[in-house]
């Protein structure tokens, strides 16, 4: 169980209690630790892993890091395929933790060279060397229901208990969608009145999917997308497709279960400003995904009555993003300007 902390400067400004579950304090540095353990547990239970097998995954980095730690405890090897434009710290950590790292150029999921498709082929190739397989497991975090299960069975119940059964809104960004869908499903089963809100980044099509039922990003029309997955400085969130895990959180795809029922957009500039604001006033050094979540929590809180309780996930630390999200030299590429100082209760930088 990770701690739940109040973000006082956000609470004071909005008149709501804004809480963050500190998943960045997990051993692997984010909530993906839960997913990695659940994937391995379910694979072992199904007899899909032989002793000394290799776990293969396509990842922007965080899930790979968590898999390295979980695999080491179980005697498995890890092979990670990731886009070559992610923060250098993640590659260094993966290699330090014993993973074989294969870097590929960013590509559309429809391309055989997309990092997930490359990982899938590598796992299949390893398994073809043994009758009956078992030499490799394709972790498949985007489509594997173990991702959803980790949060439905773990993170959601923890959060509900920590809030003493009173939570008006849960806000979370989505890459695989497992955290948002899993936590959201559990919370809706406890209280149908709890809002479950997607925080989406620029260049991603998920906001439109929740808001209007159609996967679409304005940047597609403007032909300004620079990379296929999401045109944002934030890593590991945003998507241009509906994953199996996110679909489990959408009523029209999951058999009618209540789930995600709201969405807000957060710009890179808002996320960058929020990250520096929380560092200055809360002493929290958070990564881009957590900054997006906190900015979205403020937007959601403004829509609720005073005194409402809003929770989000502080899913990553800034320590793995010094060369990108916290690197002034990288900001211009994404059209960002240096953040300005605001007093603790001044959130005028959030639209």
Protein backbone atom coordinates (compact mmCIF):
# COMPACT_ATOMS: atom_id res chain seq x y z
CA UNK A 1 0.00 0.00 0.00
CA UNK A 2 1.41 3.38 -1.02
CA UNK A 3 0.69 6.55 0.92
CA UNK A 4 -2.14 8.93 0.07
CA UNK A 5 -1.10 12.56 0.49
CA UNK A 6 -3.03 15.80 0.25
CA UNK A 7 -1.73 18.35 -2.25
CA UNK A 8 -2.45 21.32 -0.04
CA UNK A 9 -1.72 24.10 -2.52
CA UNK A 10 -4.20 22.55 -4.96
CA UNK A 11 -6.80 21.99 -2.26
CA UNK A 12 -6.59 25.54 -0.98
CA UNK A 13 -6.99 27.01 -4.44
CA UNK A 14 -9.95 24.86 -5.54
CA UNK A 15 -11.85 24.49 -2.26
CA UNK A 16 -11.79 20.71 -2.71
CA UNK A 17 -9.53 18.12 -1.12
CA UNK A 18 -7.11 16.95 -3.80
CA UNK A 19 -5.27 13.77 -2.89
CA UNK A 20 -2.45 11.91 -4.61
CA UNK A 21 -1.58 8.24 -4.18
CA UNK A 22 2.22 8.16 -4.10
CA UNK A 23 2.91 5.26 -6.46
CA UNK A 24 6.26 6.82 -7.37
CA UNK A 25 7.50 5.53 -4.00
CA UNK A 26 7.11 1.91 -5.16
CA UNK A 27 10.41 -0.02 -5.58
CA UNK A 28 10.29 0.36 -9.36
CA UNK A 29 9.23 3.98 -9.16
CA UNK A 30 5.60 3.77 -10.37
CA UNK A 31 2.35 1.81 -10.30
CA UNK A 32 3.68 -0.51 -13.01
CA UNK A 33 5.19 -2.59 -10.18
CA UNK A 34 1.68 -3.84 -9.51
CA UNK A 35 1.16 -4.72 -13.16
CA UNK A 36 4.50 -6.50 -13.51
CA UNK A 37 3.80 -8.70 -10.49
CA UNK A 38 0.26 -9.48 -11.65
CA UNK A 39 1.42 -10.40 -15.17
CA UNK A 40 4.05 -12.79 -13.82
CA UNK A 41 1.70 -14.26 -11.19
CA UNK A 42 -0.98 -15.01 -13.77
CA UNK A 43 1.53 -16.38 -16.29
CA UNK A 44 3.04 -18.71 -13.70
CA UNK A 45 -0.40 -19.89 -12.62
CA UNK A 46 -1.19 -20.69 -16.27
CA UNK A 47 2.08 -22.56 -16.76
CA UNK A 48 3.36 -20.12 -19.38
CA UNK A 49 6.82 -19.56 -17.89
CA UNK A 50 9.58 -22.11 -17.61
CA UNK A 51 12.45 -21.59 -15.14
CA UNK A 52 14.90 -19.07 -16.55
CA UNK A 53 12.49 -17.89 -19.24
CA UNK A 54 12.67 -14.45 -20.83
CA UNK A 55 9.91 -11.88 -20.33
CA UNK A 56 9.61 -9.69 -23.42
CA UNK A 57 7.81 -6.36 -23.46
CA UNK A 58 7.29 -3.31 -25.62
CA UNK A 59 7.35 -0.30 -23.30
CA UNK A 60 8.19 3.36 -23.04
CA UNK A 61 10.32 2.33 -20.08
CA UNK A 62 8.42 2.22 -16.80
CA UNK A 63 6.79 -1.19 -17.21
CA UNK A 64 10.11 -2.59 -18.36
CA UNK A 65 11.83 -1.32 -15.21
CA UNK A 66 9.14 -2.89 -13.01
CA UNK A 67 9.37 -6.16 -14.94
CA UNK A 68 13.15 -6.22 -14.40
CA UNK A 69 12.75 -6.08 -10.63
CA UNK A 70 9.90 -8.58 -10.46
CA UNK A 71 11.66 -10.94 -12.87
CA UNK A 72 14.90 -10.84 -10.89
CA UNK A 73 13.01 -12.01 -7.80
CA UNK A 74 11.61 -14.98 -9.77
CA UNK A 75 14.70 -15.96 -11.77
CA UNK A 76 13.62 -14.69 -15.20
CA UNK A 77 15.40 -12.58 -17.82
CA UNK A 78 13.92 -9.47 -19.48
CA UNK A 79 14.10 -8.22 -23.07
CA UNK A 80 12.68 -4.73 -23.61
CA UNK A 81 11.81 -3.08 -26.91
CA UNK A 82 11.22 0.67 -26.66
CA UNK A 83 11.09 3.78 -28.87
CA UNK A 84 14.43 5.52 -29.18
CA UNK A 85 13.04 8.94 -28.25
CA UNK A 86 12.36 8.20 -24.59
CA UNK A 87 14.38 9.72 -21.74
CA UNK A 88 17.93 8.37 -21.62
CA UNK A 89 17.65 7.66 -17.89
CA UNK A 90 15.13 4.91 -18.54
CA UNK A 91 17.44 3.10 -20.96
CA UNK A 92 20.30 3.37 -18.48
CA UNK A 93 18.18 1.98 -15.64
CA UNK A 94 16.87 -0.89 -17.72
CA UNK A 95 20.38 -1.96 -18.66
CA UNK A 96 21.62 -1.52 -15.09
CA UNK A 97 18.74 -3.73 -13.91
CA UNK A 98 19.84 -6.46 -16.29
CA UNK A 99 17.49 -6.06 -19.25
CA UNK A 100 18.46 -6.46 -22.86
CA UNK A 101 17.25 -3.22 -24.45
CA UNK A 102 16.32 -3.00 -28.13
CA UNK A 103 15.68 0.54 -29.37
CA UNK A 104 13.50 1.14 -32.43
CA UNK A 105 12.23 4.20 -34.27
CA UNK A 106 8.71 5.42 -33.35
CA UNK A 107 6.12 3.94 -35.71
CA UNK A 108 2.38 3.46 -36.01
CA UNK A 109 0.88 0.44 -34.27
CA UNK A 110 -0.13 -0.75 -37.74
CA UNK A 111 3.53 -1.00 -38.71
CA UNK A 112 5.46 -4.23 -38.11
CA UNK A 113 8.22 -2.00 -36.73
CA UNK A 114 6.13 -0.55 -33.88
CA UNK A 115 7.91 -1.41 -30.64
CA UNK A 116 5.03 -3.57 -29.39
CA UNK A 117 4.97 -5.58 -32.62
CA UNK A 118 8.74 -6.04 -32.54
CA UNK A 119 8.48 -7.34 -28.97
CA UNK A 120 5.67 -9.74 -29.91
CA UNK A 121 7.76 -11.21 -32.75
CA UNK A 122 10.80 -11.62 -30.53
CA UNK A 123 8.83 -13.56 -27.93
CA UNK A 124 7.34 -15.77 -30.62
CA UNK A 125 10.80 -16.43 -32.04
CA UNK A 126 12.15 -17.52 -28.66
CA UNK A 127 9.18 -19.80 -28.03
CA UNK A 128 9.58 -21.42 -31.44
CA UNK A 129 12.87 -22.86 -30.20
CA UNK A 130 11.12 -25.09 -27.67
CA UNK A 131 8.31 -27.56 -28.21
CA UNK A 132 5.36 -26.28 -26.23
CA UNK A 133 6.91 -22.84 -25.71
CA UNK A 134 7.56 -21.50 -22.24
CA UNK A 135 10.94 -19.99 -23.07
CA UNK A 136 9.45 -16.51 -23.38
CA UNK A 137 6.42 -14.55 -22.28
CA UNK A 138 5.17 -11.55 -24.22
CA UNK A 139 3.94 -9.44 -21.29
CA UNK A 140 1.59 -7.46 -23.58
CA UNK A 141 0.73 -4.75 -21.04
CA UNK A 142 -1.64 -2.96 -23.42
CA UNK A 143 -3.92 -5.94 -24.03
CA UNK A 144 -3.21 -8.29 -21.10
CA UNK A 145 -6.12 -8.20 -18.59
CA UNK A 146 -3.62 -8.77 -15.78
CA UNK A 147 -2.98 -5.02 -16.07
CA UNK A 148 -6.62 -4.20 -15.30
CA UNK A 149 -6.72 -6.89 -12.61
CA UNK A 150 -3.73 -5.42 -10.76
CA UNK A 151 -5.61 -2.17 -10.20
CA UNK A 152 -9.10 -3.58 -9.80
CA UNK A 153 -7.88 -5.98 -7.11
CA UNK A 154 -5.18 -3.79 -5.55
CA UNK A 155 -4.96 -0.06 -6.22
CA UNK A 156 -8.72 0.55 -6.26
CA UNK A 157 -9.51 -1.10 -2.91
CA UNK A 158 -6.50 0.59 -1.30
CA UNK A 159 -7.58 4.02 -2.52
CA UNK A 160 -11.18 3.56 -1.41
CA UNK A 161 -10.06 2.47 2.06
CA UNK A 162 -7.60 5.35 2.36
CA UNK A 163 -10.40 7.80 1.48
CA UNK A 164 -12.63 6.24 4.18
CA UNK A 165 -15.24 5.46 1.57
CA UNK A 166 -15.69 9.06 0.47
CA UNK A 167 -14.44 9.96 -2.97
CA UNK A 168 -16.22 12.26 -5.40
CA UNK A 169 -13.85 11.91 -8.36
CA UNK A 170 -10.88 9.86 -9.52
CA UNK A 171 -8.71 11.39 -12.24
CA UNK A 172 -6.02 9.56 -14.19
CA UNK A 173 -4.20 9.68 -17.51
CA UNK A 174 -4.03 6.61 -19.73
CA UNK A 175 -1.46 4.86 -21.87
CA UNK A 176 -2.43 1.22 -21.56
CA UNK A 177 -5.53 2.36 -19.64
CA UNK A 178 -5.19 -0.35 -17.01
CA UNK A 179 -4.97 1.94 -13.98
CA UNK A 180 -7.88 4.16 -14.99
CA UNK A 181 -10.12 1.27 -16.00
CA UNK A 182 -9.24 -1.02 -13.08
CA UNK A 183 -9.46 1.58 -10.33
CA UNK A 184 -12.49 3.17 -12.00
CA UNK A 185 -14.43 -0.11 -12.16
CA UNK A 186 -13.80 -0.81 -8.47
CA UNK A 187 -14.76 2.70 -7.39
CA UNK A 188 -17.97 2.63 -9.43
CA UNK A 189 -18.92 -0.64 -7.74
CA UNK A 190 -18.57 1.09 -4.38
CA UNK A 191 -20.35 4.31 -5.39
CA UNK A 192 -21.94 4.94 -8.76
CA UNK A 193 -21.78 8.68 -7.99
CA UNK A 194 -17.97 8.76 -8.00
CA UNK A 195 -16.79 10.43 -11.19
CA UNK A 196 -14.07 8.57 -13.10
CA UNK A 197 -12.24 11.05 -15.32
CA UNK A 198 -9.64 10.54 -18.04
CA UNK A 199 -6.80 13.08 -18.16
CA UNK A 200 -5.60 13.21 -21.74
CA UNK A 201 -2.61 14.86 -23.37
CA UNK A 202 -2.26 16.77 -26.62
CA UNK A 203 -2.00 14.62 -29.72
CA UNK A 204 -3.91 11.75 -28.10
CA UNK A 205 -7.24 10.47 -29.40
CA UNK A 206 -8.55 9.17 -26.07
CA UNK A 207 -10.30 12.37 -24.94
CA UNK A 208 -12.55 12.27 -27.97
CA UNK A 209 -13.23 8.57 -27.45
CA UNK A 210 -14.59 9.25 -23.96
CA UNK A 211 -16.32 12.53 -24.80
CA UNK A 212 -17.91 11.57 -28.12
CA UNK A 213 -17.24 7.88 -28.72
CA UNK A 214 -14.80 8.51 -31.58
CA UNK A 215 -11.01 8.11 -31.50
CA UNK A 216 -9.76 11.43 -32.85
CA UNK A 217 -7.10 14.03 -32.11
CA UNK A 218 -7.30 17.60 -33.49
CA UNK A 219 -3.61 17.39 -34.39
CA UNK A 220 -4.49 14.68 -36.93
CA UNK A 221 -6.51 17.16 -38.97
CA UNK A 222 -3.84 19.79 -38.61
CA UNK A 223 -1.21 17.27 -39.81
CA UNK A 224 1.12 18.45 -37.08
CA UNK A 225 1.75 15.17 -35.28
CA UNK A 226 5.48 14.53 -35.13
CA UNK A 227 5.29 11.01 -33.70
CA UNK A 228 2.65 8.37 -34.21
CA UNK A 229 1.67 7.56 -30.65
CA UNK A 230 1.14 10.97 -29.09
CA UNK A 231 2.53 14.40 -29.88
CA UNK A 232 3.48 15.27 -26.32
CA UNK A 233 6.54 15.63 -24.14
CA UNK A 234 4.87 13.36 -21.58
CA UNK A 235 6.01 9.75 -21.76
CA UNK A 236 3.88 6.63 -21.41
CA UNK A 237 0.48 8.32 -21.67
CA UNK A 238 -1.81 9.23 -24.53
CA UNK A 239 -2.76 6.86 -27.33
CA UNK A 240 -4.26 6.77 -30.80
CA UNK A 241 -5.97 3.41 -30.36
CA UNK A 242 -8.35 1.72 -27.95
CA UNK A 243 -6.52 -0.94 -25.94
CA UNK A 244 -8.22 -3.94 -24.38
CA UNK A 245 -7.45 -2.58 -20.92
CA UNK A 246 -8.96 0.84 -21.56
CA UNK A 247 -12.00 -0.78 -23.21
CA UNK A 248 -12.69 -2.53 -19.90
CA UNK A 249 -13.36 0.91 -18.46
CA UNK A 250 -15.83 2.03 -21.13
CA UNK A 251 -19.46 1.01 -20.71
CA UNK A 252 -20.09 0.53 -24.44
CA UNK A 253 -17.21 -1.97 -24.65
CA UNK A 254 -17.27 -3.82 -21.32
CA UNK A 255 -20.74 -5.31 -21.17
CA UNK A 256 -22.40 -2.36 -19.47
CA UNK A 257 -20.23 -1.99 -16.36
CA UNK A 258 -19.97 1.56 -15.07
CA UNK A 259 -16.56 3.13 -15.60
CA UNK A 260 -14.98 6.19 -17.19
CA UNK A 261 -17.60 8.92 -17.52
CA UNK A 262 -15.66 12.16 -17.94
CA UNK A 263 -12.54 13.49 -19.65
CA UNK A 264 -10.37 16.61 -19.58
CA UNK A 265 -7.47 17.71 -21.74
CA UNK A 266 -4.14 18.90 -20.33
CA UNK A 267 -1.56 20.72 -22.42
CA UNK A 268 2.17 20.10 -22.11
CA UNK A 269 2.60 23.67 -20.89
CA UNK A 270 0.07 23.14 -18.10
CA UNK A 271 1.82 19.91 -17.09
CA UNK A 272 5.26 21.55 -17.09
CA UNK A 273 3.99 24.46 -15.01
CA UNK A 274 2.22 22.11 -12.57
CA UNK A 275 5.36 20.02 -12.08
CA UNK A 276 7.37 23.10 -11.11
CA UNK A 277 4.51 24.44 -8.96
CA UNK A 278 4.35 21.23 -6.91
CA UNK A 279 8.11 21.17 -6.54
CA UNK A 280 8.11 24.75 -5.28
CA UNK A 281 5.16 24.47 -2.90
CA UNK A 282 4.82 20.79 -1.91
CA UNK A 283 8.40 19.58 -2.21
CA UNK A 284 7.29 16.90 -4.66
CA UNK A 285 9.53 16.20 -7.65
CA UNK A 286 7.09 14.52 -10.02
CA UNK A 287 7.30 13.26 -13.58
CA UNK A 288 5.27 14.31 -16.58
CA UNK A 289 2.46 11.77 -16.12
CA UNK A 290 1.90 12.73 -12.49
CA UNK A 291 1.97 16.42 -13.46
CA UNK A 292 -0.72 15.80 -16.09
CA UNK A 293 -2.81 13.95 -13.49
CA UNK A 294 -2.55 16.82 -11.00
CA UNK A 295 -3.45 19.46 -13.58
CA UNK A 296 -6.47 17.38 -14.56
CA UNK A 297 -7.45 16.95 -10.91
CA UNK A 298 -7.62 20.73 -10.61
CA UNK A 299 -9.82 20.97 -13.71
CA UNK A 300 -12.13 18.29 -12.32
CA UNK A 301 -12.26 19.90 -8.87
CA UNK A 302 -13.39 23.20 -10.38
CA UNK A 303 -16.48 21.39 -11.73
CA UNK A 304 -17.45 19.98 -8.32
CA UNK A 305 -18.99 21.53 -5.24
CA UNK A 306 -16.66 22.92 -2.55
CA UNK A 307 -15.50 20.28 -0.11
CA UNK A 308 -15.53 17.48 -2.68
CA UNK A 309 -12.74 14.91 -2.58
CA UNK A 310 -10.68 14.31 -5.74
CA UNK A 311 -7.95 11.67 -5.97
CA UNK A 312 -5.30 10.95 -8.56
CA UNK A 313 -2.16 8.88 -8.94
CA UNK A 314 1.31 10.37 -8.45
CA UNK A 315 2.66 7.78 -10.82
CA UNK A 316 6.19 8.89 -11.57
CA UNK A 317 9.12 10.83 -10.20
CA UNK A 318 11.02 13.50 -12.09
CA UNK A 319 14.29 11.66 -11.53
CA UNK A 320 13.88 9.63 -14.74
CA UNK A 321 13.02 12.67 -16.84
CA UNK A 322 15.92 15.06 -16.29
CA UNK A 323 17.02 14.79 -19.92
CA UNK A 324 13.57 15.49 -21.38
CA UNK A 325 10.67 16.84 -19.31
CA UNK A 326 13.01 18.79 -16.99
CA UNK A 327 15.50 19.69 -19.72
CA UNK A 328 15.20 23.29 -20.92
CA UNK A 329 16.94 22.36 -24.16
CA UNK A 330 14.10 19.94 -25.00
CA UNK A 331 11.22 22.36 -24.38
CA UNK A 332 11.50 24.31 -27.63
CA UNK A 333 10.93 21.16 -29.70
CA UNK A 334 7.51 20.86 -28.08
CA UNK A 335 6.69 24.57 -28.23
CA UNK A 336 7.13 25.03 -24.48
CA UNK A 337 8.35 28.07 -22.60
CA UNK A 338 10.04 28.16 -19.22
CA UNK A 339 7.52 27.92 -16.34
CA UNK A 340 6.94 31.03 -14.27
CA UNK A 341 6.65 31.23 -10.49
CA UNK A 342 3.16 31.47 -8.98
CA UNK A 343 2.10 31.81 -5.36
CA UNK A 344 0.91 28.56 -3.81
CA UNK A 345 -2.81 29.25 -4.26
CA UNK A 346 -2.46 30.79 -7.73
CA UNK A 347 -3.39 28.17 -10.32
CA UNK A 348 -4.14 30.64 -13.08
CA UNK A 349 -1.80 28.65 -15.35
CA UNK A 350 -4.47 25.92 -15.51
CA UNK A 351 -7.15 26.84 -18.05
